[in-house]
């Protein structure tokens, strides 16, 4: 049985390096193909750790951290994520933003991804001032030659939970891909859901 533990902001400190390692491991896979750096990851996660209203949902198999999911008020995120909302006329103060969900491959298909969404949406409702939950995901061509045979994305889960992709809202982020000599610019599309009362 996988146990989930919810911790807010600074309470994540004991697990921050483990979450960073998980992000590097999972995002090496398609579609991100991320050649990660532990120092960068710790700095990135510090944005969430500093926000008292952020949420880390940690998945444990016994004492082993096998997955993590994050969320934060969008006003506490970097401008690369806030700007597309302003451009679409959405008040960033009304958005609870989901950073990522990472789970080791052998633990997938057990409903943990749905539990991650439940926890983050629950936090957004508990804070009682958000109209939207949202996240973004990298955009890859359907015929990308690096796509593994039989690869299944998460779009079915996201759509089933009521999220809709907004192709008019894009973030642009650089990261180093596996096998690349330098960082590459990537497009990420946003997925939004109105937050039910």
Protein backbone atom coordinates (compact mmCIF):
# COMPACT_ATOMS: atom_id res chain seq x y z
CA UNK A 1 0.00 0.00 0.00
CA UNK A 2 1.41 3.36 -1.04
CA UNK A 3 0.96 6.00 1.65
CA UNK A 4 0.55 9.66 0.72
CA UNK A 5 1.73 12.41 3.01
CA UNK A 6 0.80 16.06 2.47
CA UNK A 7 3.24 18.72 3.63
CA UNK A 8 3.08 22.47 3.17
CA UNK A 9 5.85 24.77 2.05
CA UNK A 10 8.84 24.75 4.39
CA UNK A 11 7.80 21.41 5.95
CA UNK A 12 9.18 19.65 2.85
CA UNK A 13 12.79 20.45 3.78
CA UNK A 14 13.73 16.89 4.92
CA UNK A 15 12.66 15.45 1.54
CA UNK A 16 13.62 18.27 -0.85
CA UNK A 17 16.74 16.55 -2.22
CA UNK A 18 14.83 13.28 -2.69
CA UNK A 19 12.07 15.10 -4.60
CA UNK A 20 14.75 16.74 -6.77
CA UNK A 21 16.24 13.32 -7.56
CA UNK A 22 12.80 11.96 -8.44
CA UNK A 23 12.20 14.83 -10.86
CA UNK A 24 15.53 14.14 -12.58
CA UNK A 25 14.80 10.42 -12.85
CA UNK A 26 11.24 10.71 -14.17
CA UNK A 27 11.78 13.66 -16.49
CA UNK A 28 14.60 11.80 -18.28
CA UNK A 29 11.80 9.84 -19.95
CA UNK A 30 9.87 10.96 -23.01
CA UNK A 31 8.33 13.49 -23.48
CA UNK A 32 10.66 15.69 -21.38
CA UNK A 33 14.01 13.98 -22.12
CA UNK A 34 15.51 16.17 -19.40
CA UNK A 35 19.20 15.97 -18.61
CA UNK A 36 18.77 17.21 -15.05
CA UNK A 37 21.05 18.85 -12.53
CA UNK A 38 20.54 18.39 -8.79
CA UNK A 39 21.57 21.95 -7.89
CA UNK A 40 19.12 23.45 -10.39
CA UNK A 41 16.38 21.14 -9.13
CA UNK A 42 16.85 22.16 -5.52
CA UNK A 43 16.70 25.84 -6.54
CA UNK A 44 13.54 25.23 -8.58
CA UNK A 45 11.82 23.42 -5.72
CA UNK A 46 12.83 26.16 -3.29
CA UNK A 47 10.17 28.37 -4.93
CA UNK A 48 7.56 25.93 -3.66
CA UNK A 49 9.23 25.37 -0.32
CA UNK A 50 9.20 29.12 0.39
CA UNK A 51 5.46 29.48 -0.19
CA UNK A 52 3.51 28.78 3.02
CA UNK A 53 0.45 27.82 0.96
CA UNK A 54 2.19 25.41 -1.38
CA UNK A 55 1.60 21.69 -1.20
CA UNK A 56 3.90 18.71 -1.59
CA UNK A 57 2.12 15.37 -1.85
CA UNK A 58 4.72 12.69 -1.11
CA UNK A 59 4.16 9.02 -1.99
CA UNK A 60 5.96 6.46 0.16
CA UNK A 61 6.46 2.73 -0.17
CA UNK A 62 7.44 2.11 3.43
CA UNK A 63 10.20 4.66 4.05
CA UNK A 64 11.11 5.00 0.37
CA UNK A 65 9.93 8.12 -1.49
CA UNK A 66 8.58 6.86 -4.83
CA UNK A 67 6.55 9.83 -6.05
CA UNK A 68 5.79 13.47 -5.46
CA UNK A 69 3.35 16.08 -6.66
CA UNK A 70 3.42 19.83 -6.07
CA UNK A 71 1.11 22.82 -6.17
CA UNK A 72 1.42 26.51 -5.34
CA UNK A 73 -0.59 29.72 -5.68
CA UNK A 74 0.31 31.00 -9.16
CA UNK A 75 1.31 34.37 -7.71
CA UNK A 76 4.25 32.56 -6.06
CA UNK A 77 5.45 31.02 -9.35
CA UNK A 78 7.97 32.49 -11.81
CA UNK A 79 6.75 34.92 -14.47
CA UNK A 80 7.19 32.38 -17.28
CA UNK A 81 4.12 30.61 -15.83
CA UNK A 82 2.17 33.73 -14.82
CA UNK A 83 2.47 35.65 -18.10
CA UNK A 84 0.26 33.35 -20.25
CA UNK A 85 -2.60 33.78 -17.76
CA UNK A 86 -2.31 37.56 -17.82
CA UNK A 87 -2.28 37.38 -21.63
CA UNK A 88 -5.52 35.35 -21.55
CA UNK A 89 -7.18 37.81 -19.15
CA UNK A 90 -7.14 35.42 -16.17
CA UNK A 91 -6.31 36.91 -12.78
CA UNK A 92 -3.21 35.07 -11.51
CA UNK A 93 -4.47 35.51 -7.93
CA UNK A 94 -7.34 33.15 -8.76
CA UNK A 95 -5.19 30.25 -10.01
CA UNK A 96 -3.76 27.37 -7.97
CA UNK A 97 -0.94 26.01 -10.10
CA UNK A 98 0.16 22.36 -10.21
CA UNK A 99 3.92 22.08 -10.69
CA UNK A 100 4.42 18.40 -11.49
CA UNK A 101 3.58 14.84 -10.60
CA UNK A 102 6.45 12.37 -10.75
CA UNK A 103 6.16 8.69 -9.98
CA UNK A 104 8.64 5.87 -10.52
CA UNK A 105 7.55 3.59 -13.38
CA UNK A 106 6.93 0.50 -11.28
CA UNK A 107 4.30 2.37 -9.22
CA UNK A 108 2.22 3.65 -12.14
CA UNK A 109 -1.23 2.33 -12.99
CA UNK A 110 -2.30 2.06 -9.36
CA UNK A 111 -4.43 5.21 -9.14
CA UNK A 112 -1.73 7.31 -7.45
CA UNK A 113 -1.91 9.99 -10.17
CA UNK A 114 -5.61 10.45 -9.39
CA UNK A 115 -4.84 10.69 -5.68
CA UNK A 116 -2.27 13.40 -6.45
CA UNK A 117 -4.97 15.40 -8.24
CA UNK A 118 -7.45 14.85 -5.39
CA UNK A 119 -4.98 16.20 -2.83
CA UNK A 120 -4.00 19.27 -4.85
CA UNK A 121 -7.57 20.15 -5.82
CA UNK A 122 -8.56 19.66 -2.18
CA UNK A 123 -5.91 22.15 -1.08
CA UNK A 124 -7.13 24.69 -3.64
CA UNK A 125 -10.70 24.37 -2.32
CA UNK A 126 -9.54 24.61 1.29
CA UNK A 127 -7.74 27.88 0.60
CA UNK A 128 -11.13 29.15 -0.60
CA UNK A 129 -10.09 31.91 -3.00
CA UNK A 130 -9.20 30.16 -6.27
CA UNK A 131 -11.36 29.89 -9.39
CA UNK A 132 -8.98 27.71 -11.41
CA UNK A 133 -6.54 24.85 -11.10
CA UNK A 134 -4.00 24.57 -13.89
CA UNK A 135 -0.74 23.01 -15.04
CA UNK A 136 1.32 22.84 -18.21
CA UNK A 137 2.95 20.03 -20.16
CA UNK A 138 5.59 19.94 -22.86
CA UNK A 139 4.33 19.76 -26.43
CA UNK A 140 5.89 17.09 -28.67
CA UNK A 141 4.99 16.22 -32.26
CA UNK A 142 2.99 13.03 -32.72
CA UNK A 143 5.70 11.76 -35.07
CA UNK A 144 8.65 12.66 -32.83
CA UNK A 145 11.16 9.87 -33.57
CA UNK A 146 12.15 9.75 -29.90
CA UNK A 147 8.66 8.66 -28.84
CA UNK A 148 8.96 5.10 -27.46
CA UNK A 149 6.81 2.40 -29.04
CA UNK A 150 3.59 2.06 -27.07
CA UNK A 151 4.07 5.37 -25.24
CA UNK A 152 0.88 6.56 -23.54
CA UNK A 153 0.56 10.13 -22.40
CA UNK A 154 -1.54 11.40 -19.51
CA UNK A 155 -4.02 13.36 -21.62
CA UNK A 156 -6.82 10.84 -21.05
CA UNK A 157 -6.49 11.20 -17.26
CA UNK A 158 -6.38 14.99 -17.50
CA UNK A 159 -9.43 15.17 -19.74
CA UNK A 160 -11.36 12.73 -17.55
CA UNK A 161 -10.70 14.99 -14.56
CA UNK A 162 -12.19 17.97 -16.40
CA UNK A 163 -9.03 19.71 -17.63
CA UNK A 164 -9.00 21.30 -21.08
CA UNK A 165 -5.89 22.14 -23.06
CA UNK A 166 -5.58 25.82 -23.96
CA UNK A 167 -3.48 26.04 -27.09
CA UNK A 168 -3.61 29.84 -26.88
CA UNK A 169 -1.65 29.69 -23.61
CA UNK A 170 1.97 28.60 -23.86
CA UNK A 171 5.03 28.82 -21.64
CA UNK A 172 8.53 28.72 -23.12
CA UNK A 173 11.28 27.15 -21.03
CA UNK A 174 14.82 26.04 -21.72
CA UNK A 175 16.34 22.80 -20.51
CA UNK A 176 19.12 20.52 -21.61
CA UNK A 177 17.88 17.41 -23.35
CA UNK A 178 19.62 14.06 -23.20
CA UNK A 179 22.40 13.99 -25.78
CA UNK A 180 22.29 17.74 -26.45
CA UNK A 181 25.28 20.02 -26.03
CA UNK A 182 23.28 22.95 -24.68
CA UNK A 183 19.83 23.96 -23.51
CA UNK A 184 16.92 23.85 -25.96
CA UNK A 185 13.78 26.03 -25.88
CA UNK A 186 10.53 24.10 -25.35
CA UNK A 187 6.85 24.95 -25.71
CA UNK A 188 4.52 23.91 -22.90
CA UNK A 189 0.72 24.06 -23.26
CA UNK A 190 -1.52 24.87 -20.31
CA UNK A 191 -4.39 22.73 -19.09
CA UNK A 192 -7.10 24.46 -17.02
CA UNK A 193 -10.11 23.45 -15.01
CA UNK A 194 -12.63 25.72 -13.29
CA UNK A 195 -12.56 24.85 -9.61
CA UNK A 196 -15.96 23.58 -8.46
CA UNK A 197 -17.32 25.12 -5.27
